[in-house]
Protein backbone atom coordinates (compact mmCIF):
# COMPACT_ATOMS: atom_id res chain seq x y z
CA MET A 1 135.07 64.12 114.14
CA SER A 2 133.00 61.38 112.61
CA ALA A 3 135.11 59.19 110.07
CA GLN A 4 132.90 60.69 107.26
CA ARG A 5 133.30 64.45 108.22
CA ALA A 6 136.94 63.24 108.34
CA CYS A 7 136.88 62.45 104.69
CA ALA A 8 137.05 65.62 102.85
CA ASN A 9 137.87 66.96 98.98
CA THR A 10 139.79 70.12 98.17
CA TRP A 11 137.57 72.63 96.01
CA VAL A 12 138.50 76.28 94.88
CA VAL A 13 135.40 78.39 95.93
CA VAL A 14 134.96 81.46 93.46
CA GLU A 15 132.27 83.96 93.44
CA VAL A 16 129.94 84.98 90.48
CA ARG A 17 127.76 88.26 91.16
CA GLY A 18 127.60 87.87 94.94
CA GLN A 19 126.89 83.75 94.90
CA GLU A 20 129.57 81.23 95.80
CA PHE A 21 130.38 78.25 93.69
CA ALA A 22 133.03 75.59 94.60
CA VAL A 23 135.05 73.69 92.17
CA PRO A 24 136.88 70.84 92.44
CA ALA A 25 140.53 71.79 92.76
CA ALA A 26 141.73 68.55 91.08
CA ASN A 27 139.71 70.13 88.02
CA VAL A 28 141.21 73.91 88.49
CA ARG A 29 144.00 73.96 86.04
CA GLU A 30 144.96 77.82 86.79
CA ILE A 31 143.32 81.21 87.52
CA LEU A 32 144.29 84.21 85.34
CA ARG A 33 143.01 87.65 84.71
CA MET A 34 140.43 87.82 81.82
CA PRO A 35 142.67 87.36 78.55
CA ASP A 36 141.34 89.31 75.50
CA ILE A 37 138.48 87.10 74.03
CA THR A 38 137.58 86.69 70.47
CA ALA A 39 134.23 86.67 69.53
CA VAL A 40 132.74 83.26 67.74
CA PRO A 41 129.58 83.84 65.53
CA LEU A 42 126.16 82.28 66.08
CA CYS A 43 126.93 81.18 69.83
CA ARG A 44 124.76 80.71 72.07
CA PRO A 45 124.86 84.10 74.92
CA GLN A 46 126.83 82.53 77.32
CA ASP A 47 129.49 81.25 74.91
CA ARG A 48 131.57 84.62 75.53
CA GLY A 49 134.39 83.31 72.49
CA VAL A 50 137.97 81.61 72.86
CA ILE A 51 140.95 83.11 74.49
CA ASN A 52 144.28 82.08 73.81
CA LEU A 53 145.83 80.60 76.40
CA ARG A 54 149.92 80.22 75.72
CA GLY A 55 149.07 79.34 72.32
CA ARG A 56 146.32 76.61 72.63
CA ILE A 57 142.43 78.36 71.99
CA ILE A 58 139.70 77.58 74.59
CA PRO A 59 136.66 78.22 74.86
CA LEU A 60 135.30 80.80 77.21
CA ILE A 61 131.83 80.16 78.86
CA ASP A 62 130.36 83.72 80.56
CA MET A 63 129.06 82.38 84.05
CA ARG A 64 126.32 85.14 84.59
CA LYS A 65 124.98 84.34 81.31
CA GLN A 66 125.20 80.65 82.01
CA PHE A 67 122.40 81.22 84.59
CA GLY A 68 120.42 83.98 82.90
CA TRP A 69 122.39 87.40 84.66
CA ARG A 70 123.83 90.24 82.97
CA SER A 71 127.44 89.71 82.09
CA VAL A 72 130.20 92.08 83.49
CA PRO A 73 130.18 94.03 80.26
CA GLU A 74 126.84 94.48 80.16
CA GLU A 75 126.43 96.06 84.12
CA LEU A 76 129.17 98.27 82.66
CA ASP A 77 127.72 99.45 79.61
CA ASP A 78 124.32 100.32 82.10
CA PHE A 79 126.48 102.02 84.46
CA TYR A 80 128.05 104.48 81.88
CA LYS A 81 124.56 104.54 80.47
CA LEU A 82 123.36 105.86 83.93
CA MET A 83 125.62 107.85 84.44
CA ASN A 84 125.93 109.79 81.16
CA ARG A 85 122.06 110.11 81.46
CA ARG A 86 122.57 111.78 84.91
CA GLU A 87 125.60 114.23 83.77
CA GLU A 88 122.86 115.02 81.19
CA ASP A 89 120.49 115.94 84.01
CA HIS A 90 122.25 118.54 85.79
CA ARG A 91 123.06 119.92 82.22
CA ASN A 92 119.27 120.36 81.58
CA TRP A 93 118.40 121.39 84.91
CA LEU A 94 120.95 124.32 84.56
CA LYS A 95 119.05 125.38 81.25
CA GLU A 96 115.97 125.05 82.34
CA LEU A 97 116.49 127.38 85.54
CA GLU A 98 118.06 129.99 82.86
CA LYS A 99 114.74 129.78 81.42
CA SER A 100 112.83 130.07 84.12
CA VAL A 101 114.81 133.28 84.80
CA MET A 102 114.43 135.09 81.10
CA GLU A 103 111.00 133.90 80.38
CA GLY A 104 109.66 134.71 84.13
CA THR A 105 108.41 131.62 84.71
CA GLU A 106 108.13 129.08 87.77
CA PHE A 107 111.03 126.64 87.89
CA ARG A 108 109.48 123.15 88.64
CA LEU A 109 112.45 120.58 88.48
CA ALA A 110 113.88 119.71 91.66
CA THR A 111 115.29 121.92 93.94
CA ASP A 112 116.39 119.28 96.65
CA PRO A 113 119.44 117.33 95.76
CA HIS A 114 118.41 114.21 97.66
CA LYS A 115 115.45 113.94 95.37
CA CYS A 116 116.72 114.58 91.69
CA ALA A 117 117.13 111.55 89.92
CA PHE A 118 121.00 111.78 90.56
CA GLY A 119 120.23 112.68 94.37
CA GLN A 120 118.34 109.35 94.64
CA TRP A 121 121.10 106.68 92.68
CA TYR A 122 123.75 108.71 94.77
CA TYR A 123 122.36 108.41 98.36
CA SER A 124 121.21 104.68 97.73
CA TYR A 125 124.14 103.42 95.78
CA ARG A 126 126.61 101.33 98.14
CA SER A 127 130.35 100.11 96.68
CA ASN A 128 132.40 97.36 98.15
CA SER A 129 135.58 99.29 96.53
CA PRO A 130 137.23 101.91 98.98
CA TRP A 131 138.56 103.56 95.82
CA ILE A 132 135.27 104.47 94.58
CA THR A 133 133.46 105.05 97.85
CA THR A 134 135.91 107.67 98.53
CA LEU A 135 135.53 109.22 94.69
CA LEU A 136 131.67 109.18 95.19
CA ARG A 137 132.07 111.58 98.34
CA LYS A 138 133.55 114.28 96.47
CA PHE A 139 129.68 114.59 94.31
CA GLU A 140 128.00 115.77 97.59
CA PRO A 141 129.52 119.58 97.75
CA PRO A 142 129.14 120.49 93.88
CA HIS A 143 125.96 118.69 93.72
CA ASN A 144 124.51 120.36 96.54
CA ARG A 145 125.83 123.63 95.64
CA ILE A 146 124.20 123.31 91.79
CA HIS A 147 120.48 122.51 93.44
CA ALA A 148 120.84 125.44 96.24
CA ILE A 149 121.56 128.26 93.52
CA ALA A 150 117.70 128.00 92.93
CA SER A 151 116.60 129.42 95.90
CA SER A 152 119.54 132.21 95.00
CA THR A 153 118.28 133.13 91.98
CA SER A 154 114.78 133.13 92.79
CA GLU A 155 115.55 135.75 95.10
CA LEU A 156 117.70 137.37 92.92
CA VAL A 157 114.22 137.30 89.97
CA LYS A 158 111.87 138.47 93.14
CA THR A 159 114.34 141.84 93.26
CA ARG A 160 114.72 141.93 89.71
CA ASP A 161 118.04 141.28 89.39
CA ASN A 162 117.89 138.87 86.49
CA ASP A 163 121.09 139.91 85.25
CA GLU A 164 122.71 138.38 88.29
CA ALA A 165 120.67 135.42 88.83
CA ARG A 166 122.11 134.53 84.84
CA ARG A 167 125.60 135.10 86.16
CA LEU A 168 125.10 133.25 88.87
CA ILE A 169 123.70 130.44 86.75
CA GLU A 170 126.59 130.61 83.97
CA GLN A 171 129.28 130.78 86.82
CA THR A 172 127.70 127.51 88.32
CA ARG A 173 128.11 125.93 84.37
CA ASN A 174 131.24 126.80 84.45
CA GLY A 175 132.53 125.77 87.73
CA GLU A 176 130.32 123.16 89.82
CA LEU A 177 128.60 121.62 86.95
CA GLN A 178 132.16 120.91 85.55
CA GLY A 179 133.32 120.10 88.28
CA MET A 180 130.56 117.12 88.06
CA VAL A 181 131.25 116.12 84.95
CA SER A 182 134.90 115.79 85.73
CA LEU A 183 134.02 113.45 88.51
CA PHE A 184 131.79 111.14 86.39
CA GLN A 185 134.77 110.57 84.11
CA GLN A 186 136.77 109.66 86.79
CA LEU A 187 133.98 107.43 88.17
CA LYS A 188 133.58 105.99 85.08
CA GLU A 189 137.07 105.05 84.27
CA LEU A 190 137.80 104.04 87.96
CA THR A 191 134.66 101.56 87.49
CA ARG A 192 136.16 100.10 84.54
CA GLU A 193 139.66 99.76 86.15
CA THR A 194 138.26 98.27 89.44
CA VAL A 195 135.71 95.81 87.94
CA LYS A 196 137.89 93.00 86.47
CA GLU A 197 136.86 89.93 85.50
CA LEU A 198 139.02 86.48 86.40
CA ALA A 199 139.03 83.85 83.68
CA MET A 200 139.05 80.11 85.53
CA VAL A 201 140.89 77.22 83.57
CA ILE A 202 139.32 73.97 83.94
CA THR A 203 139.99 70.41 82.75
CA ALA A 204 137.30 68.18 82.00
CA THR A 205 137.64 64.29 81.41
CA GLN A 206 136.12 65.38 77.44
CA ASN A 207 137.56 69.12 77.22
CA THR A 208 139.48 72.16 78.92
CA PHE A 209 137.72 75.28 78.74
CA ALA A 210 137.62 78.94 81.11
CA ILE A 211 134.70 80.07 82.70
CA SER A 212 134.56 83.63 83.70
CA ILE A 213 134.32 84.40 87.52
CA ASP A 214 134.29 87.56 89.48
CA ARG A 215 136.68 86.85 92.11
CA ALA A 216 138.66 83.80 93.91
CA VAL A 217 137.62 82.99 97.27
CA ALA A 218 139.62 80.28 98.84
CA VAL A 219 141.11 76.92 98.72
CA GLU A 220 140.00 74.91 101.18
CA THR A 221 138.12 71.49 101.75
CA ILE A 222 134.65 70.85 102.37
CA PRO A 223 133.70 67.79 104.53
CA THR A 224 131.52 65.16 102.60
CA ASP A 225 128.72 65.10 104.98
CA LEU A 226 128.40 69.02 104.39
CA ILE A 227 127.64 68.21 100.83
CA LYS A 228 124.44 67.74 99.96
CA GLU A 229 122.22 66.55 96.72
CA MET A 230 119.67 69.24 95.11
CA GLN A 231 116.10 68.01 93.61
CA THR A 232 117.69 69.35 90.12
CA ASP A 233 114.35 68.54 87.91
CA VAL A 234 112.27 71.15 89.42
CA PHE A 235 114.52 73.96 88.36
CA SER A 236 115.52 75.42 84.61
CA PRO A 237 118.20 73.05 82.33
CA GLU A 238 121.15 75.55 83.36
CA CYS A 239 120.77 73.57 86.79
CA ARG A 240 122.09 71.02 85.10
CA PHE A 241 125.75 72.45 86.06
CA VAL A 242 124.86 72.64 89.94
CA ARG A 243 123.54 69.46 91.38
CA ARG A 244 124.93 69.85 94.82
CA VAL A 245 125.68 72.08 97.58
CA ALA A 246 127.62 72.64 100.34
CA GLU A 247 128.14 74.20 103.56
CA ARG A 248 130.90 75.59 104.16
CA SER A 249 132.16 76.70 107.63
CA THR A 250 132.85 80.02 106.86
CA ALA A 251 130.27 81.24 104.73
CA ARG A 252 126.56 81.93 106.09
CA SER A 253 124.96 81.04 102.98
CA LEU A 254 124.98 77.80 100.91
CA THR A 255 127.47 77.24 98.22
CA MET A 256 126.53 76.08 94.93
CA ILE A 257 128.73 73.10 93.82
CA LEU A 258 129.79 73.09 89.79
CA GLU A 259 130.14 69.71 87.96
CA PRO A 260 133.13 70.24 85.26
CA GLU A 261 131.97 67.41 83.57
CA MET A 262 128.98 69.14 82.56
CA PHE A 263 130.70 72.21 81.20
CA GLY A 264 132.62 69.92 79.31
CA VAL A 265 130.21 68.11 77.56
CA CYS A 266 128.49 71.61 76.55
CA ALA A 267 131.91 73.63 75.77
CA ALA A 268 132.89 73.95 72.02
CA PRO A 269 135.98 71.89 71.47
CA SER A 270 139.58 73.62 72.48
CA ARG A 271 142.33 73.62 69.86
């Protein structure tokens, strides 16, 4: 091993939206579960607010917003809205099926569970959480049975048994659909419990502040010859916080090096 490689610094490696970042361990005061955040008016989007750290008020910078990504609360809100729409889709699906039976018109909505909006999302979505993955598996049986009744009601209508067709639709509405509604609610609650942000408290020369992170990955040494300078002048101003990249022996992708002093300059004063 060369003398340069033997000279290594200790880094705290964290993850934000799938990207790894390394912060000098000497600057990291602590990592804690995200405390309550108090919003501060007229701040930049990345200035999430302030947190109370055992009586000391310090600013919190949203790392996702800092780099132009959607924040965790925004992503969760988008997910809840998506699930609400997919739930409403199936309420409307049954209403349209019932209407087609009553009016004797052709039912034109998706009968293949893979082709409705929820099915397209469901069969392409992947979660890193084993609990969410297990819950998602419970959607398939009731979802398939809901779509299957389109064929059944069509056959009943052909035999002029419209009353039985409407009974089947109502039975599905009170059974399989309610089962899916319950699963949608469980999924939203479990997602809220599973997706938890952390706050990394950093001490810089001019200030103490916190940044939001998704998870802590490791504390390790990175040889100095594996840390390279980037040409930051070709990127946006936000890149002043990332001037170097590192090659971790345990990672296949590059790890961005965060510069605490640059964050310290921009963070609001702590009290």
